[in-house]
Amino acid sequence: MKPTSKRIVVDASIARSAGMTEHPVSRSCREFLVSFLEICHRVVMTAEVREEWKRHRSNFSASWLASMTARKKVEVCDPAVDAGMADKLRQAHLTDRDEAAIRKDARLLEAALAADSAVASLDEEVRSLLKGLSKQWVRIKPVVWVNPASPQEEAVSWLSAGAPMDKQRTLGFEPGAGGRR
């Protein structure tokens, strides 16, 4: 049975790390992108995400993106900016550094929310900050965040299974809360 096609935002951190070496992060990012290409999923890109990819991509990920484009598996989107984000960030009383990190990756969230609410990224720091922020910023709770370099996340298996919206992968998931969000 063919998996359901999902529109997934892939962060430039993966583009930078996916290379031809056997370093564990490089290999897992490469395997993730290869699986992504072979399965029916589409990559979502905003103009900002594409620019970041151009600045940080490896030769492998540049070739991957060209293959995705040739197969018409790149979806360009121009999502609306979340006008309430500034208020949510102010209410969270974040450090300047943490707020800057979230603002930098806000385009990933905006693109994910305009697509199928899924992000693939290596950035665990931002993921953690967003998980904490999801208590006030309810809109981001259902966003799935997957790290292909984290073996326990089994990102390639997740893609193969149709990239399901598993509750434990969402930004709003609270372990020990019975799965409630």
C-alpha atoms as a PDB file:
ATOM      1  CA  MET A   1       0.000   0.000   0.000  1.00  0.00           C
ATOM      2  CA  LYS A   2       1.383   3.389  -1.034  1.00  0.00           C
ATOM      3  CA  PRO A   3       1.883   5.808   1.898  1.00  0.00           C
ATOM      4  CA  THR A   4      -0.061   9.050   2.007  1.00  0.00           C
ATOM      5  CA  SER A   5       1.849  11.969   0.542  1.00  0.00           C
ATOM      6  CA  LYS A   6       2.723  14.681   3.060  1.00  0.00           C
ATOM      7  CA  ARG A   7       4.083  18.170   2.557  1.00  0.00           C
ATOM      8  CA  ILE A   8       7.063  18.481   4.918  1.00  0.00           C
ATOM      9  CA  VAL A   9       9.352  21.433   5.616  1.00  0.00           C
ATOM     10  CA  VAL A  10      13.015  20.387   5.631  1.00  0.00           C
ATOM     11  CA  ASP A  11      15.350  22.732   7.480  1.00  0.00           C
ATOM     12  CA  ALA A  12      18.656  23.828   5.984  1.00  0.00           C
ATOM     13  CA  SER A  13      20.389  22.146   8.934  1.00  0.00           C
ATOM     14  CA  ILE A  14      19.654  18.870   7.157  1.00  0.00           C
ATOM     15  CA  ALA A  15      20.786  20.266   3.790  1.00  0.00           C
ATOM     16  CA  ARG A  16      24.094  21.282   5.365  1.00  0.00           C
ATOM     17  CA  SER A  17      24.655  17.959   7.129  1.00  0.00           C
ATOM     18  CA  ALA A  18      23.590  15.541   4.397  1.00  0.00           C
ATOM     19  CA  GLY A  19      26.837  14.612   2.732  1.00  0.00           C
ATOM     20  CA  MET A  20      28.634  11.597   1.387  1.00  0.00           C
ATOM     21  CA  THR A  21      30.648  10.850   4.534  1.00  0.00           C
ATOM     22  CA  GLU A  22      29.888   8.026   6.925  1.00  0.00           C
ATOM     23  CA  HIS A  23      29.689  10.365   9.901  1.00  0.00           C
ATOM     24  CA  PRO A  24      26.468   9.335  11.705  1.00  0.00           C
ATOM     25  CA  VAL A  25      24.724  12.713  11.270  1.00  0.00           C
ATOM     26  CA  SER A  26      25.737  13.005   7.629  1.00  0.00           C
ATOM     27  CA  ARG A  27      24.645   9.445   6.889  1.00  0.00           C
ATOM     28  CA  SER A  28      21.290   9.742   8.688  1.00  0.00           C
ATOM     29  CA  CYS A  29      20.473  13.049   6.952  1.00  0.00           C
ATOM     30  CA  ARG A  30      21.449  11.582   3.568  1.00  0.00           C
ATOM     31  CA  GLU A  31      19.352   8.450   4.175  1.00  0.00           C
ATOM     32  CA  PHE A  32      16.425  10.631   5.232  1.00  0.00           C
ATOM     33  CA  LEU A  33      16.622  12.703   2.033  1.00  0.00           C
ATOM     34  CA  VAL A  34      17.050   9.621  -0.172  1.00  0.00           C
ATOM     35  CA  SER A  35      13.952   8.048   1.416  1.00  0.00           C
ATOM     36  CA  PHE A  36      12.086  11.330   1.079  1.00  0.00           C
ATOM     37  CA  LEU A  37      12.855  11.357  -2.656  1.00  0.00           C
ATOM     38  CA  GLU A  38      11.818   7.727  -3.141  1.00  0.00           C
ATOM     39  CA  ILE A  39       8.578   8.047  -1.190  1.00  0.00           C
ATOM     40  CA  CYS A  40       5.737  10.238  -2.386  1.00  0.00           C
ATOM     41  CA  HIS A  41       6.283  13.148   0.041  1.00  0.00           C
ATOM     42  CA  ARG A  42       6.851  16.717  -1.110  1.00  0.00           C
ATOM     43  CA  VAL A  43       9.216  19.288   0.362  1.00  0.00           C
ATOM     44  CA  VAL A  44       7.750  22.667   1.279  1.00  0.00           C
ATOM     45  CA  MET A  45       9.859  25.763   0.769  1.00  0.00           C
ATOM     46  CA  THR A  46       9.308  29.427   1.333  1.00  0.00           C
ATOM     47  CA  ALA A  47      11.578  31.956  -0.355  1.00  0.00           C
ATOM     48  CA  GLU A  48      13.472  32.322   2.956  1.00  0.00           C
ATOM     49  CA  VAL A  49      13.887  28.566   3.423  1.00  0.00           C
ATOM     50  CA  ARG A  50      15.140  28.208  -0.154  1.00  0.00           C
ATOM     51  CA  GLU A  51      17.677  31.029   0.394  1.00  0.00           C
ATOM     52  CA  GLU A  52      18.941  29.373   3.559  1.00  0.00           C
ATOM     53  CA  TRP A  53      19.243  26.090   1.664  1.00  0.00           C
ATOM     54  CA  LYS A  54      21.301  27.847  -1.026  1.00  0.00           C
ATOM     55  CA  ARG A  55      23.684  29.222   1.602  1.00  0.00           C
ATOM     56  CA  HIS A  56      24.111  26.000   3.565  1.00  0.00           C
ATOM     57  CA  ARG A  57      23.522  23.045   1.252  1.00  0.00           C
ATOM     58  CA  SER A  58      26.005  20.302   0.642  1.00  0.00           C
ATOM     59  CA  ASN A  59      26.681  18.979  -2.864  1.00  0.00           C
ATOM     60  CA  PHE A  60      24.499  15.988  -2.029  1.00  0.00           C
ATOM     61  CA  SER A  61      21.523  18.073  -0.869  1.00  0.00           C
ATOM     62  CA  ALA A  62      21.846  20.403  -3.900  1.00  0.00           C
ATOM     63  CA  SER A  63      21.558  17.347  -6.136  1.00  0.00           C
ATOM     64  CA  TRP A  64      18.660  16.044  -4.032  1.00  0.00           C
ATOM     65  CA  LEU A  65      16.758  19.324  -4.369  1.00  0.00           C
ATOM     66  CA  ALA A  66      17.347  19.318  -8.138  1.00  0.00           C
ATOM     67  CA  SER A  67      15.913  15.774  -8.294  1.00  0.00           C
ATOM     68  CA  MET A  68      12.934  16.797  -6.171  1.00  0.00           C
ATOM     69  CA  THR A  69      12.336  19.787  -8.458  1.00  0.00           C
ATOM     70  CA  ALA A  70      12.570  17.627 -11.594  1.00  0.00           C
ATOM     71  CA  ARG A  71       9.972  15.270 -10.111  1.00  0.00           C
ATOM     72  CA  LYS A  72       7.707  18.217  -9.244  1.00  0.00           C
ATOM     73  CA  LYS A  73       7.962  17.355  -5.550  1.00  0.00           C
ATOM     74  CA  VAL A  74       8.843  20.878  -4.355  1.00  0.00           C
ATOM     75  CA  GLU A  75       5.945  22.968  -3.141  1.00  0.00           C
ATOM     76  CA  VAL A  76       6.625  26.676  -2.877  1.00  0.00           C
ATOM     77  CA  CYS A  77       4.502  28.516  -0.353  1.00  0.00           C
ATOM     78  CA  ASP A  78       4.214  32.056   0.893  1.00  0.00           C
ATOM     79  CA  PRO A  79       2.538  31.648   4.282  1.00  0.00           C
ATOM     80  CA  ALA A  80       1.051  34.504   6.215  1.00  0.00           C
ATOM     81  CA  VAL A  81       3.249  35.827   8.994  1.00  0.00           C
ATOM     82  CA  ASP A  82       1.793  35.009  12.397  1.00  0.00           C
ATOM     83  CA  ALA A  83       0.931  38.468  13.694  1.00  0.00           C
ATOM     84  CA  GLY A  84       0.530  37.133  17.233  1.00  0.00           C
ATOM     85  CA  MET A  85       4.024  35.655  17.380  1.00  0.00           C
ATOM     86  CA  ALA A  86       5.641  38.791  18.772  1.00  0.00           C
ATOM     87  CA  ASP A  87       3.088  38.874  21.591  1.00  0.00           C
ATOM     88  CA  LYS A  88       3.608  35.191  22.363  1.00  0.00           C
ATOM     89  CA  LEU A  89       7.375  35.652  22.474  1.00  0.00           C
ATOM     90  CA  ARG A  90       7.058  38.679  24.786  1.00  0.00           C
ATOM     91  CA  GLN A  91       4.719  36.785  27.111  1.00  0.00           C
ATOM     92  CA  ALA A  92       7.173  33.886  27.290  1.00  0.00           C
ATOM     93  CA  HIS A  93       9.905  36.075  28.853  1.00  0.00           C
ATOM     94  CA  LEU A  94      12.630  34.459  26.780  1.00  0.00           C
ATOM     95  CA  THR A  95      16.239  35.532  26.738  1.00  0.00           C
ATOM     96  CA  ASP A  96      17.234  37.650  23.750  1.00  0.00           C
ATOM     97  CA  ARG A  97      19.226  34.694  22.420  1.00  0.00           C
ATOM     98  CA  ASP A  98      16.285  32.273  22.684  1.00  0.00           C
ATOM     99  CA  GLU A  99      13.877  34.751  21.123  1.00  0.00           C
ATOM    100  CA  ALA A 100      16.285  35.331  18.226  1.00  0.00           C
ATOM    101  CA  ALA A 101      16.585  31.563  17.682  1.00  0.00           C
ATOM    102  CA  ILE A 102      12.813  31.175  17.530  1.00  0.00           C
ATOM    103  CA  ARG A 103      12.397  34.171  15.217  1.00  0.00           C
ATOM    104  CA  LYS A 104      15.060  32.721  12.887  1.00  0.00           C
ATOM    105  CA  ASP A 105      13.141  29.451  12.572  1.00  0.00           C
ATOM    106  CA  ALA A 106       9.654  30.975  12.616  1.00  0.00           C
ATOM    107  CA  ARG A 107       9.541  30.594   8.826  1.00  0.00           C
ATOM    108  CA  LEU A 108       9.752  26.818   9.295  1.00  0.00           C
ATOM    109  CA  LEU A 109       6.705  26.896  11.548  1.00  0.00           C
ATOM    110  CA  GLU A 110       4.769  29.230   9.273  1.00  0.00           C
ATOM    111  CA  ALA A 111       5.467  26.993   6.262  1.00  0.00           C
ATOM    112  CA  ALA A 112       4.566  23.861   8.226  1.00  0.00           C
ATOM    113  CA  LEU A 113       1.287  25.381   9.382  1.00  0.00           C
ATOM    114  CA  ALA A 114       0.469  26.325   5.778  1.00  0.00           C
ATOM    115  CA  ALA A 115       1.203  22.746   4.672  1.00  0.00           C
ATOM    116  CA  ASP A 116       0.791  19.500   6.647  1.00  0.00           C
ATOM    117  CA  SER A 117       2.252  20.666   9.993  1.00  0.00           C
ATOM    118  CA  ALA A 118       5.526  18.759   9.780  1.00  0.00           C
ATOM    119  CA  VAL A 119       9.126  19.943  10.139  1.00  0.00           C
ATOM    120  CA  ALA A 120      12.326  17.944   9.766  1.00  0.00           C
ATOM    121  CA  SER A 121      15.252  19.656  11.499  1.00  0.00           C
ATOM    122  CA  LEU A 122      18.382  18.913  13.472  1.00  0.00           C
ATOM    123  CA  ASP A 123      17.822  21.902  15.762  1.00  0.00           C
ATOM    124  CA  GLU A 124      16.988  20.408  19.156  1.00  0.00           C
ATOM    125  CA  GLU A 125      17.484  23.730  20.941  1.00  0.00           C
ATOM    126  CA  VAL A 126      14.732  25.445  18.952  1.00  0.00           C
ATOM    127  CA  ARG A 127      12.545  22.363  19.218  1.00  0.00           C
ATOM    128  CA  SER A 128      12.832  22.482  23.000  1.00  0.00           C
ATOM    129  CA  LEU A 129      12.086  26.211  23.089  1.00  0.00           C
ATOM    130  CA  LEU A 130       9.032  25.730  20.870  1.00  0.00           C
ATOM    131  CA  LYS A 131       7.773  22.847  22.999  1.00  0.00           C
ATOM    132  CA  GLY A 132       7.870  25.163  26.015  1.00  0.00           C
ATOM    133  CA  LEU A 133       6.261  27.982  24.067  1.00  0.00           C
ATOM    134  CA  SER A 134       3.448  25.741  22.791  1.00  0.00           C
ATOM    135  CA  LYS A 135       1.671  26.100  26.133  1.00  0.00           C
ATOM    136  CA  GLN A 136       0.973  29.766  25.299  1.00  0.00           C
ATOM    137  CA  TRP A 137       1.125  29.547  21.501  1.00  0.00           C
ATOM    138  CA  VAL A 138      -1.555  26.886  21.063  1.00  0.00           C
ATOM    139  CA  ARG A 139      -1.456  27.149  17.283  1.00  0.00           C
ATOM    140  CA  ILE A 140       1.920  25.364  17.129  1.00  0.00           C
ATOM    141  CA  LYS A 141       0.953  22.417  19.370  1.00  0.00           C
ATOM    142  CA  PRO A 142       0.038  20.067  16.496  1.00  0.00           C
ATOM    143  CA  VAL A 143       3.257  20.674  14.542  1.00  0.00           C
ATOM    144  CA  VAL A 144       5.291  17.478  14.218  1.00  0.00           C
ATOM    145  CA  TRP A 145       9.062  17.955  14.588  1.00  0.00           C
ATOM    146  CA  VAL A 146      11.341  15.129  13.449  1.00  0.00           C
ATOM    147  CA  ASN A 147      15.115  14.935  13.785  1.00  0.00           C
ATOM    148  CA  PRO A 148      16.637  12.487  11.270  1.00  0.00           C
ATOM    149  CA  ALA A 149      19.919  12.378  13.220  1.00  0.00           C
ATOM    150  CA  SER A 150      18.195  11.080  16.347  1.00  0.00           C
ATOM    151  CA  PRO A 151      18.177   7.251  16.086  1.00  0.00           C
ATOM    152  CA  GLN A 152      15.260   6.818  18.513  1.00  0.00           C
ATOM    153  CA  GLU A 153      13.038   8.918  16.231  1.00  0.00           C
ATOM    154  CA  GLU A 154      13.402   6.463  13.333  1.00  0.00           C
ATOM    155  CA  ALA A 155      12.800   9.268  10.825  1.00  0.00           C
ATOM    156  CA  VAL A 156      13.159   7.066   7.733  1.00  0.00           C
ATOM    157  CA  SER A 157      10.583   4.616   9.126  1.00  0.00           C
ATOM    158  CA  TRP A 158       8.331   7.575   9.922  1.00  0.00           C
ATOM    159  CA  LEU A 159       8.556   8.731   6.289  1.00  0.00           C
ATOM    160  CA  SER A 160       7.905   5.193   5.021  1.00  0.00           C
ATOM    161  CA  ALA A 161       4.813   4.935   7.215  1.00  0.00           C
ATOM    162  CA  GLY A 162       3.371   8.041   5.552  1.00  0.00           C
ATOM    163  CA  ALA A 163       4.764  10.624   8.016  1.00  0.00           C
ATOM    164  CA  PRO A 164       1.922  10.145  10.507  1.00  0.00           C
ATOM    165  CA  MET A 165       1.042  12.934  12.903  1.00  0.00           C
ATOM    166  CA  ASP A 166       2.125  10.941  15.962  1.00  0.00           C
ATOM    167  CA  LYS A 167       1.201  12.804  19.154  1.00  0.00           C
ATOM    168  CA  GLN A 168       4.579  12.143  20.782  1.00  0.00           C
ATOM    169  CA  ARG A 169       6.295  13.941  17.889  1.00  0.00           C
ATOM    170  CA  THR A 170       4.231  17.139  18.226  1.00  0.00           C
ATOM    171  CA  LEU A 171       5.467  20.332  19.848  1.00  0.00           C
ATOM    172  CA  GLY A 172       2.514  20.217  22.241  1.00  0.00           C
ATOM    173  CA  PHE A 173       3.121  16.677  23.507  1.00  0.00           C
ATOM    174  CA  GLU A 174       3.667  16.457  27.242  1.00  0.00           C
ATOM    175  CA  PRO A 175       5.132  13.130  28.399  1.00  0.00           C
ATOM    176  CA  GLY A 176       3.435  11.815  31.472  1.00  0.00           C
ATOM    177  CA  ALA A 177       0.263  13.799  30.770  1.00  0.00           C
ATOM    178  CA  GLY A 178      -1.464  10.784  29.304  1.00  0.00           C
ATOM    179  CA  GLY A 179      -0.863  12.105  25.810  1.00  0.00           C
ATOM    180  CA  ARG A 180      -3.139  15.078  26.451  1.00  0.00           C
ATOM    181  CA  ARG A 181      -2.307  18.290  24.681  1.00  0.00           C
END
